[in-house]
């Protein structure tokens, strides 16, 4: 599994996305695993195994927690603020 720090992921998003096409990518924050980036193909495989009714927002979450009901834009903004601390 490839690993990037949060700062590296922010600055090298293209590399993170490219790597996610070959393997899962772990994002570290303060040296600890915080999130995982997977390819769309892999997501569809997992979604199929879980059933098509399971939405993306319940599948992907930072720190292993499901995403809240906030808009994706609000969640991304909050994550950026936290990463920049």
PDB file of N, CA and C in Angstrom:
ATOM      1  N   UNK A   1       0.850  -1.174   0.000  1.00  0.00           N
ATOM      2  CA  UNK A   1       0.000   0.000   0.000  1.00  0.00           C
ATOM      3  C   UNK A   1       0.893   1.233   0.000  1.00  0.00           C
ATOM      4  N   UNK A   2       0.634   2.156  -0.903  1.00  0.00           N
ATOM      5  CA  UNK A   2       1.380   3.412  -0.974  1.00  0.00           C
ATOM      6  C   UNK A   2       0.952   4.315   0.175  1.00  0.00           C
ATOM      7  N   UNK A   3       1.857   5.179   0.611  1.00  0.00           N
ATOM      8  CA  UNK A   3       1.578   6.070   1.731  1.00  0.00           C
ATOM      9  C   UNK A   3       2.063   7.474   1.409  1.00  0.00           C
ATOM     10  N   UNK A   4       1.225   8.462   1.720  1.00  0.00           N
ATOM     11  CA  UNK A   4       1.573   9.870   1.580  1.00  0.00           C
ATOM     12  C   UNK A   4       1.204  10.573   2.872  1.00  0.00           C
ATOM     13  N   UNK A   5       1.975  11.584   3.248  1.00  0.00           N
ATOM     14  CA  UNK A   5       1.537  12.432   4.351  1.00  0.00           C
ATOM     15  C   UNK A   5       0.419  13.327   3.817  1.00  0.00           C
ATOM     16  N   UNK A   6      -0.339  13.918   4.713  1.00  0.00           N
ATOM     17  CA  UNK A   6      -1.422  14.808   4.295  1.00  0.00           C
ATOM     18  C   UNK A   6      -0.870  15.955   3.449  1.00  0.00           C
ATOM     19  N   UNK A   7       0.259  16.491   3.842  1.00  0.00           N
ATOM     20  CA  UNK A   7       0.871  17.591   3.086  1.00  0.00           C
ATOM     21  C   UNK A   7       1.282  17.131   1.692  1.00  0.00           C
ATOM     22  N   UNK A   8       1.916  15.946   1.612  1.00  0.00           N
ATOM     23  CA  UNK A   8       2.297  15.409   0.299  1.00  0.00           C
ATOM     24  C   UNK A   8       1.066  15.174  -0.572  1.00  0.00           C
ATOM     25  N   UNK A   9       0.019  14.610   0.027  1.00  0.00           N
ATOM     26  CA  UNK A   9      -1.206  14.349  -0.735  1.00  0.00           C
ATOM     27  C   UNK A   9      -1.797  15.638  -1.273  1.00  0.00           C
ATOM     28  N   UNK A  10      -1.771  16.676  -0.458  1.00  0.00           N
ATOM     29  CA  UNK A  10      -2.301  17.973  -0.880  1.00  0.00           C
ATOM     30  C   UNK A  10      -1.477  18.539  -2.036  1.00  0.00           C
ATOM     31  N   UNK A  11      -0.160  18.444  -1.918  1.00  0.00           N
ATOM     32  CA  UNK A  11       0.726  19.028  -2.926  1.00  0.00           C
ATOM     33  C   UNK A  11       0.912  18.140  -4.159  1.00  0.00           C
ATOM     34  N   UNK A  12       0.612  16.840  -4.036  1.00  0.00           N
ATOM     35  CA  UNK A  12       0.853  15.902  -5.138  1.00  0.00           C
ATOM     36  C   UNK A  12      -0.394  15.078  -5.423  1.00  0.00           C
ATOM     37  N   UNK A  13      -1.521  15.736  -5.482  1.00  0.00           N
ATOM     38  CA  UNK A  13      -2.789  15.035  -5.678  1.00  0.00           C
ATOM     39  C   UNK A  13      -2.764  14.151  -6.924  1.00  0.00           C
ATOM     40  N   UNK A  14      -2.181  14.627  -8.000  1.00  0.00           N
ATOM     41  CA  UNK A  14      -2.107  13.829  -9.225  1.00  0.00           C
ATOM     42  C   UNK A  14      -1.387  12.507  -9.002  1.00  0.00           C
ATOM     43  N   UNK A  15      -0.299  12.533  -8.236  1.00  0.00           N
ATOM     44  CA  UNK A  15       0.443  11.304  -7.941  1.00  0.00           C
ATOM     45  C   UNK A  15      -0.380  10.366  -7.064  1.00  0.00           C
ATOM     46  N   UNK A  16      -1.116  10.939  -6.113  1.00  0.00           N
ATOM     47  CA  UNK A  16      -1.981  10.122  -5.252  1.00  0.00           C
ATOM     48  C   UNK A  16      -3.040   9.427  -6.105  1.00  0.00           C
ATOM     49  N   UNK A  17      -3.674  10.178  -6.986  1.00  0.00           N
ATOM     50  CA  UNK A  17      -4.716   9.606  -7.841  1.00  0.00           C
ATOM     51  C   UNK A  17      -4.153   8.548  -8.771  1.00  0.00           C
ATOM     52  N   UNK A  18      -2.992   8.811  -9.347  1.00  0.00           N
ATOM     53  CA  UNK A  18      -2.371   7.832 -10.243  1.00  0.00           C
ATOM     54  C   UNK A  18      -2.025   6.555  -9.481  1.00  0.00           C
ATOM     55  N   UNK A  19      -1.467   6.694  -8.314  1.00  0.00           N
ATOM     56  CA  UNK A  19      -1.092   5.528  -7.514  1.00  0.00           C
ATOM     57  C   UNK A  19      -2.323   4.729  -7.090  1.00  0.00           C
ATOM     58  N   UNK A  20      -3.433   5.423  -6.842  1.00  0.00           N
ATOM     59  CA  UNK A  20      -4.655   4.733  -6.404  1.00  0.00           C
ATOM     60  C   UNK A  20      -5.221   3.825  -7.491  1.00  0.00           C
ATOM     61  N   UNK A  21      -4.782   4.004  -8.737  1.00  0.00           N
ATOM     62  CA  UNK A  21      -5.229   3.126  -9.817  1.00  0.00           C
ATOM     63  C   UNK A  21      -4.561   1.754  -9.735  1.00  0.00           C
ATOM     64  N   UNK A  22      -3.460   1.672  -8.982  1.00  0.00           N
ATOM     65  CA  UNK A  22      -2.705   0.424  -8.871  1.00  0.00           C
ATOM     66  C   UNK A  22      -2.836  -0.227  -7.505  1.00  0.00           C
ATOM     67  N   UNK A  23      -3.010   0.593  -6.477  1.00  0.00           N
ATOM     68  CA  UNK A  23      -3.114   0.083  -5.112  1.00  0.00           C
ATOM     69  C   UNK A  23      -3.792   1.131  -4.231  1.00  0.00           C
ATOM     70  N   UNK A  24      -4.279   0.690  -3.076  1.00  0.00           N
ATOM     71  CA  UNK A  24      -4.867   1.630  -2.133  1.00  0.00           C
ATOM     72  C   UNK A  24      -3.779   2.571  -1.627  1.00  0.00           C
ATOM     73  N   UNK A  25      -4.141   3.814  -1.371  1.00  0.00           N
ATOM     74  CA  UNK A  25      -3.186   4.819  -0.907  1.00  0.00           C
ATOM     75  C   UNK A  25      -3.610   5.291   0.477  1.00  0.00           C
ATOM     76  N   UNK A  26      -2.725   5.134   1.449  1.00  0.00           N
ATOM     77  CA  UNK A  26      -2.989   5.603   2.806  1.00  0.00           C
ATOM     78  C   UNK A  26      -2.479   7.022   2.959  1.00  0.00           C
ATOM     79  N   UNK A  27      -3.298   7.874   3.557  1.00  0.00           N
ATOM     80  CA  UNK A  27      -2.909   9.254   3.863  1.00  0.00           C
ATOM     81  C   UNK A  27      -2.641   9.314   5.362  1.00  0.00           C
ATOM     82  N   UNK A  28      -1.449   9.789   5.723  1.00  0.00           N
ATOM     83  CA  UNK A  28      -1.069   9.912   7.130  1.00  0.00           C
ATOM     84  C   UNK A  28      -1.250  11.338   7.609  1.00  0.00           C
ATOM     85  N   UNK A  29      -1.706  11.483   8.827  1.00  0.00           N
ATOM     86  CA  UNK A  29      -1.781  12.788   9.474  1.00  0.00           C
ATOM     87  C   UNK A  29      -1.133  12.639  10.831  1.00  0.00           C
ATOM     88  N   UNK A  30      -0.140  13.469  11.099  1.00  0.00           N
ATOM     89  CA  UNK A  30       0.635  13.368  12.340  1.00  0.00           C
ATOM     90  C   UNK A  30       1.209  11.968  12.524  1.00  0.00           C
ATOM     91  N   UNK A  31       1.622  11.357  11.395  1.00  0.00           N
ATOM     92  CA  UNK A  31       2.263  10.061  11.434  1.00  0.00           C
ATOM     93  C   UNK A  31       1.335   8.868  11.595  1.00  0.00           C
ATOM     94  N   UNK A  32       0.042   9.117  11.671  1.00  0.00           N
ATOM     95  CA  UNK A  32      -0.941   8.045  11.862  1.00  0.00           C
ATOM     96  C   UNK A  32      -1.835   7.915  10.629  1.00  0.00           C
ATOM     97  N   UNK A  33      -2.266   6.703  10.280  1.00  0.00           N
ATOM     98  CA  UNK A  33      -3.203   6.544   9.165  1.00  0.00           C
ATOM     99  C   UNK A  33      -4.472   7.348   9.418  1.00  0.00           C
ATOM    100  N   UNK A  34      -4.897   8.101   8.399  1.00  0.00           N
ATOM    101  CA  UNK A  34      -6.039   9.003   8.558  1.00  0.00           C
ATOM    102  C   UNK A  34      -7.129   8.724   7.532  1.00  0.00           C
ATOM    103  N   UNK A  35      -6.736   8.387   6.312  1.00  0.00           N
ATOM    104  CA  UNK A  35      -7.702   8.145   5.235  1.00  0.00           C
ATOM    105  C   UNK A  35      -7.071   7.222   4.202  1.00  0.00           C
ATOM    106  N   UNK A  36      -7.919   6.659   3.345  1.00  0.00           N
ATOM    107  CA  UNK A  36      -7.455   5.796   2.260  1.00  0.00           C
ATOM    108  C   UNK A  36      -8.119   6.259   0.971  1.00  0.00           C
ATOM    109  N   UNK A  37      -7.329   6.360  -0.104  1.00  0.00           N
ATOM    110  CA  UNK A  37      -7.840   6.711  -1.425  1.00  0.00           C
ATOM    111  C   UNK A  37      -7.830   5.433  -2.248  1.00  0.00           C
ATOM    112  N   UNK A  38      -8.972   5.132  -2.872  1.00  0.00           N
ATOM    113  CA  UNK A  38      -9.071   3.951  -3.720  1.00  0.00           C
ATOM    114  C   UNK A  38      -9.545   4.370  -5.108  1.00  0.00           C
ATOM    115  N   UNK A  39      -9.288   3.520  -6.082  1.00  0.00           N
ATOM    116  CA  UNK A  39      -9.731   3.811  -7.446  1.00  0.00           C
ATOM    117  C   UNK A  39     -11.243   3.645  -7.544  1.00  0.00           C
ATOM    118  N   UNK A  40     -11.813   4.252  -8.553  1.00  0.00           N
ATOM    119  CA  UNK A  40     -13.254   4.126  -8.782  1.00  0.00           C
ATOM    120  C   UNK A  40     -13.614   2.666  -9.052  1.00  0.00           C
ATOM    121  N   UNK A  41     -12.785   1.972  -9.808  1.00  0.00           N
ATOM    122  CA  UNK A  41     -13.008   0.555 -10.091  1.00  0.00           C
ATOM    123  C   UNK A  41     -13.091  -0.241  -8.790  1.00  0.00           C
ATOM    124  N   UNK A  42     -12.151   0.010  -7.895  1.00  0.00           N
ATOM    125  CA  UNK A  42     -12.145  -0.704  -6.609  1.00  0.00           C
ATOM    126  C   UNK A  42     -13.375  -0.344  -5.786  1.00  0.00           C
ATOM    127  N   UNK A  43     -13.756   0.914  -5.806  1.00  0.00           N
ATOM    128  CA  UNK A  43     -14.974   1.335  -5.111  1.00  0.00           C
ATOM    129  C   UNK A  43     -16.188   0.569  -5.637  1.00  0.00           C
ATOM    130  N   UNK A  44     -16.309   0.475  -6.973  1.00  0.00           N
ATOM    131  CA  UNK A  44     -17.440  -0.245  -7.556  1.00  0.00           C
ATOM    132  C   UNK A  44     -17.421  -1.723  -7.171  1.00  0.00           C
ATOM    133  N   UNK A  45     -16.234  -2.312  -7.114  1.00  0.00           N
ATOM    134  CA  UNK A  45     -16.127  -3.707  -6.684  1.00  0.00           C
ATOM    135  C   UNK A  45     -16.636  -3.854  -5.258  1.00  0.00           C
ATOM    136  N   UNK A  46     -16.210  -2.975  -4.377  1.00  0.00           N
ATOM    137  CA  UNK A  46     -16.637  -3.034  -2.975  1.00  0.00           C
ATOM    138  C   UNK A  46     -18.117  -2.718  -2.843  1.00  0.00           C
ATOM    139  N   UNK A  47     -18.566  -1.764  -3.608  1.00  0.00           N
ATOM    140  CA  UNK A  47     -19.983  -1.399  -3.577  1.00  0.00           C
ATOM    141  C   UNK A  47     -20.837  -2.583  -4.002  1.00  0.00           C
ATOM    142  N   UNK A  48     -20.384  -3.290  -5.046  1.00  0.00           N
ATOM    143  CA  UNK A  48     -21.112  -4.467  -5.502  1.00  0.00           C
ATOM    144  C   UNK A  48     -21.174  -5.532  -4.428  1.00  0.00           C
ATOM    145  N   UNK A  49     -20.083  -5.688  -3.686  1.00  0.00           N
ATOM    146  CA  UNK A  49     -20.053  -6.675  -2.616  1.00  0.00           C
ATOM    147  C   UNK A  49     -20.953  -6.260  -1.459  1.00  0.00           C
ATOM    148  N   UNK A  50     -21.089  -4.974  -1.246  1.00  0.00           N
ATOM    149  CA  UNK A  50     -21.897  -4.441  -0.149  1.00  0.00           C
ATOM    150  C   UNK A  50     -23.353  -4.280  -0.549  1.00  0.00           C
ATOM    151  N   UNK A  51     -23.593  -4.208  -1.849  1.00  0.00           N
ATOM    152  CA  UNK A  51     -24.942  -3.958  -2.328  1.00  0.00           C
ATOM    153  C   UNK A  51     -25.043  -2.552  -2.889  1.00  0.00           C
ATOM    154  N   UNK A  52     -25.769  -2.372  -3.987  1.00  0.00           N
ATOM    155  CA  UNK A  52     -25.830  -1.074  -4.654  1.00  0.00           C
ATOM    156  C   UNK A  52     -26.532   0.001  -3.833  1.00  0.00           C
ATOM    157  N   UNK A  53     -27.269  -0.372  -2.795  1.00  0.00           N
ATOM    158  CA  UNK A  53     -27.983   0.640  -2.031  1.00  0.00           C
ATOM    159  C   UNK A  53     -27.082   1.409  -1.067  1.00  0.00           C
ATOM    160  N   UNK A  54     -25.878   0.931  -0.840  1.00  0.00           N
ATOM    161  CA  UNK A  54     -24.984   1.618   0.090  1.00  0.00           C
ATOM    162  C   UNK A  54     -24.341   2.813  -0.608  1.00  0.00           C
ATOM    163  N   UNK A  55     -24.616   4.040  -0.153  1.00  0.00           N
ATOM    164  CA  UNK A  55     -24.083   5.222  -0.830  1.00  0.00           C
ATOM    165  C   UNK A  55     -22.601   5.443  -0.546  1.00  0.00           C
ATOM    166  N   UNK A  56     -21.947   6.160  -1.439  1.00  0.00           N
ATOM    167  CA  UNK A  56     -20.528   6.470  -1.301  1.00  0.00           C
ATOM    168  C   UNK A  56     -20.249   7.171   0.019  1.00  0.00           C
ATOM    169  N   UNK A  57     -21.092   8.107   0.434  1.00  0.00           N
ATOM    170  CA  UNK A  57     -20.796   8.885   1.636  1.00  0.00           C
ATOM    171  C   UNK A  57     -20.729   8.015   2.879  1.00  0.00           C
ATOM    172  N   UNK A  58     -21.381   6.851   2.914  1.00  0.00           N
ATOM    173  CA  UNK A  58     -21.282   5.981   4.080  1.00  0.00           C
ATOM    174  C   UNK A  58     -20.064   5.071   4.006  1.00  0.00           C
ATOM    175  N   UNK A  59     -19.444   4.985   2.825  1.00  0.00           N
ATOM    176  CA  UNK A  59     -18.329   4.076   2.608  1.00  0.00           C
ATOM    177  C   UNK A  59     -16.988   4.734   2.886  1.00  0.00           C
ATOM    178  N   UNK A  60     -16.851   6.016   2.558  1.00  0.00           N
ATOM    179  CA  UNK A  60     -15.574   6.693   2.673  1.00  0.00           C
ATOM    180  C   UNK A  60     -15.645   7.730   3.774  1.00  0.00           C
ATOM    181  N   UNK A  61     -14.679   7.712   4.651  1.00  0.00           N
ATOM    182  CA  UNK A  61     -14.621   8.707   5.709  1.00  0.00           C
ATOM    183  C   UNK A  61     -13.204   8.862   6.217  1.00  0.00           C
ATOM    184  N   UNK A  62     -12.867  10.049   6.663  1.00  0.00           N
ATOM    185  CA  UNK A  62     -11.550  10.301   7.218  1.00  0.00           C
ATOM    186  C   UNK A  62     -11.437   9.599   8.562  1.00  0.00           C
ATOM    187  N   UNK A  63     -10.302   9.018   8.822  1.00  0.00           N
ATOM    188  CA  UNK A  63     -10.087   8.358  10.095  1.00  0.00           C
ATOM    189  C   UNK A  63     -10.955   7.130  10.287  1.00  0.00           C
ATOM    190  N   UNK A  64     -11.511   6.597   9.200  1.00  0.00           N
ATOM    191  CA  UNK A  64     -12.331   5.409   9.285  1.00  0.00           C
ATOM    192  C   UNK A  64     -13.766   5.661   9.680  1.00  0.00           C
ATOM    193  N   UNK A  65     -14.127   6.912   9.937  1.00  0.00           N
ATOM    194  CA  UNK A  65     -15.493   7.234  10.345  1.00  0.00           C
ATOM    195  C   UNK A  65     -16.327   7.604   9.125  1.00  0.00           C
ATOM    196  N   UNK A  66     -17.598   7.221   9.105  1.00  0.00           N
ATOM    197  CA  UNK A  66     -18.450   7.626   7.984  1.00  0.00           C
ATOM    198  C   UNK A  66     -18.555   9.143   7.914  1.00  0.00           C
ATOM    199  N   UNK A  67     -18.763   9.646   6.730  1.00  0.00           N
ATOM    200  CA  UNK A  67     -18.936  11.077   6.556  1.00  0.00           C
ATOM    201  C   UNK A  67     -20.278  11.509   7.124  1.00  0.00           C
ATOM    202  N   UNK A  68     -20.335  12.722   7.596  1.00  0.00           N
ATOM    203  CA  UNK A  68     -21.574  13.245   8.171  1.00  0.00           C
ATOM    204  C   UNK A  68     -22.531  13.670   7.065  1.00  0.00           C
ATOM    205  N   UNK A  69     -23.664  14.214   7.452  1.00  0.00           N
ATOM    206  CA  UNK A  69     -24.649  14.666   6.494  1.00  0.00           C
ATOM    207  C   UNK A  69     -24.338  16.025   5.899  1.00  0.00           C
ATOM    208  N   UNK A  70     -23.194  16.636   6.276  1.00  0.00           N
ATOM    209  CA  UNK A  70     -22.819  17.934   5.721  1.00  0.00           C
ATOM    210  C   UNK A  70     -22.550  17.799   4.225  1.00  0.00           C
ATOM    211  N   UNK A  71     -22.600  18.923   3.538  1.00  0.00           N
ATOM    212  CA  UNK A  71     -22.294  18.904   2.112  1.00  0.00           C
ATOM    213  C   UNK A  71     -20.834  18.500   1.917  1.00  0.00           C
ATOM    214  N   UNK A  72     -20.508  17.870   0.790  1.00  0.00           N
ATOM    215  CA  UNK A  72     -19.115  17.500   0.539  1.00  0.00           C
ATOM    216  C   UNK A  72     -18.179  18.712   0.574  1.00  0.00           C
ATOM    217  N   UNK A  73     -18.654  19.849   0.093  1.00  0.00           N
ATOM    218  CA  UNK A  73     -17.819  21.050   0.100  1.00  0.00           C
ATOM    219  C   UNK A  73     -17.473  21.472   1.528  1.00  0.00           C
ATOM    220  N   UNK A  74     -18.454  21.423   2.436  1.00  0.00           N
ATOM    221  CA  UNK A  74     -18.219  21.787   3.837  1.00  0.00           C
ATOM    222  C   UNK A  74     -17.251  20.804   4.488  1.00  0.00           C
ATOM    223  N   UNK A  75     -17.387  19.516   4.159  1.00  0.00           N
ATOM    224  CA  UNK A  75     -16.496  18.509   4.725  1.00  0.00           C
ATOM    225  C   UNK A  75     -15.067  18.709   4.233  1.00  0.00           C
ATOM    226  N   UNK A  76     -14.912  18.976   2.945  1.00  0.00           N
ATOM    227  CA  UNK A  76     -13.578  19.198   2.383  1.00  0.00           C
ATOM    228  C   UNK A  76     -12.952  20.428   3.002  1.00  0.00           C
ATOM    229  N   UNK A  77     -13.720  21.488   3.157  1.00  0.00           N
ATOM    230  CA  UNK A  77     -13.213  22.713   3.777  1.00  0.00           C
ATOM    231  C   UNK A  77     -12.757  22.445   5.204  1.00  0.00           C
ATOM    232  N   UNK A  78     -13.535  21.694   5.960  1.00  0.00           N
ATOM    233  CA  UNK A  78     -13.171  21.371   7.339  1.00  0.00           C
ATOM    234  C   UNK A  78     -11.904  20.526   7.382  1.00  0.00           C
ATOM    235  N   UNK A  79     -11.777  19.584   6.453  1.00  0.00           N
ATOM    236  CA  UNK A  79     -10.578  18.749   6.401  1.00  0.00           C
ATOM    237  C   UNK A  79      -9.348  19.583   6.059  1.00  0.00           C
ATOM    238  N   UNK A  80      -9.497  20.505   5.117  1.00  0.00           N
ATOM    239  CA  UNK A  80      -8.364  21.378   4.761  1.00  0.00           C
ATOM    240  C   UNK A  80      -7.928  22.196   5.966  1.00  0.00           C
ATOM    241  N   UNK A  81      -8.903  22.764   6.682  1.00  0.00           N
ATOM    242  CA  UNK A  81      -8.579  23.562   7.866  1.00  0.00           C
ATOM    243  C   UNK A  81      -7.830  22.726   8.888  1.00  0.00           C
ATOM    244  N   UNK A  82      -8.275  21.502   9.094  1.00  0.00           N
ATOM    245  CA  UNK A  82      -7.638  20.634  10.084  1.00  0.00           C
ATOM    246  C   UNK A  82      -6.238  20.256   9.640  1.00  0.00           C
ATOM    247  N   UNK A  83      -6.038  19.942   8.353  1.00  0.00           N
ATOM    248  CA  UNK A  83      -4.725  19.552   7.850  1.00  0.00           C
ATOM    249  C   UNK A  83      -3.720  20.695   7.941  1.00  0.00           C
ATOM    250  N   UNK A  84      -4.200  21.929   7.822  1.00  0.00           N
ATOM    251  CA  UNK A  84      -3.293  23.066   7.815  1.00  0.00           C
ATOM    252  C   UNK A  84      -2.859  23.484   9.210  1.00  0.00           C
ATOM    253  N   UNK A  85      -3.460  22.878  10.225  1.00  0.00           N
ATOM    254  CA  UNK A  85      -3.049  23.191  11.603  1.00  0.00           C
ATOM    255  C   UNK A  85      -1.734  22.567  11.943  1.00  0.00           C
TER     256      UNK A  85
END
